[in-house]
Amino acid sequence: MVEPIDGYKVVFALAEVDPAFATREILVADKRDGKPLDAKEGPLRIVAPGDKRAARWVRQVTTLRIVVVK
């Protein structure tokens, strides 16, 4: 689960990020063009290039959490 400063939450399933299941990439960025992300985007940003819509591209990430669903 990815949580930004504004409380929005995004979830990626294990099969989406594990290379044994898929060939896609989910990026955790802290720089753009070699420079640290500015306050509007950083400190971290999630980029999911394989998504058709950018709904899971998250800026101002404060928390990355592994969640076990039972």
Foldseek 3Di string as FASTA:
>chain_A
DWAAPVGDDDDDDPLQDDPVRDDFHKDKDQDDPPHGDDPVFDNIWIAGVVDPDGPVTGGRTDDDDDDDDD
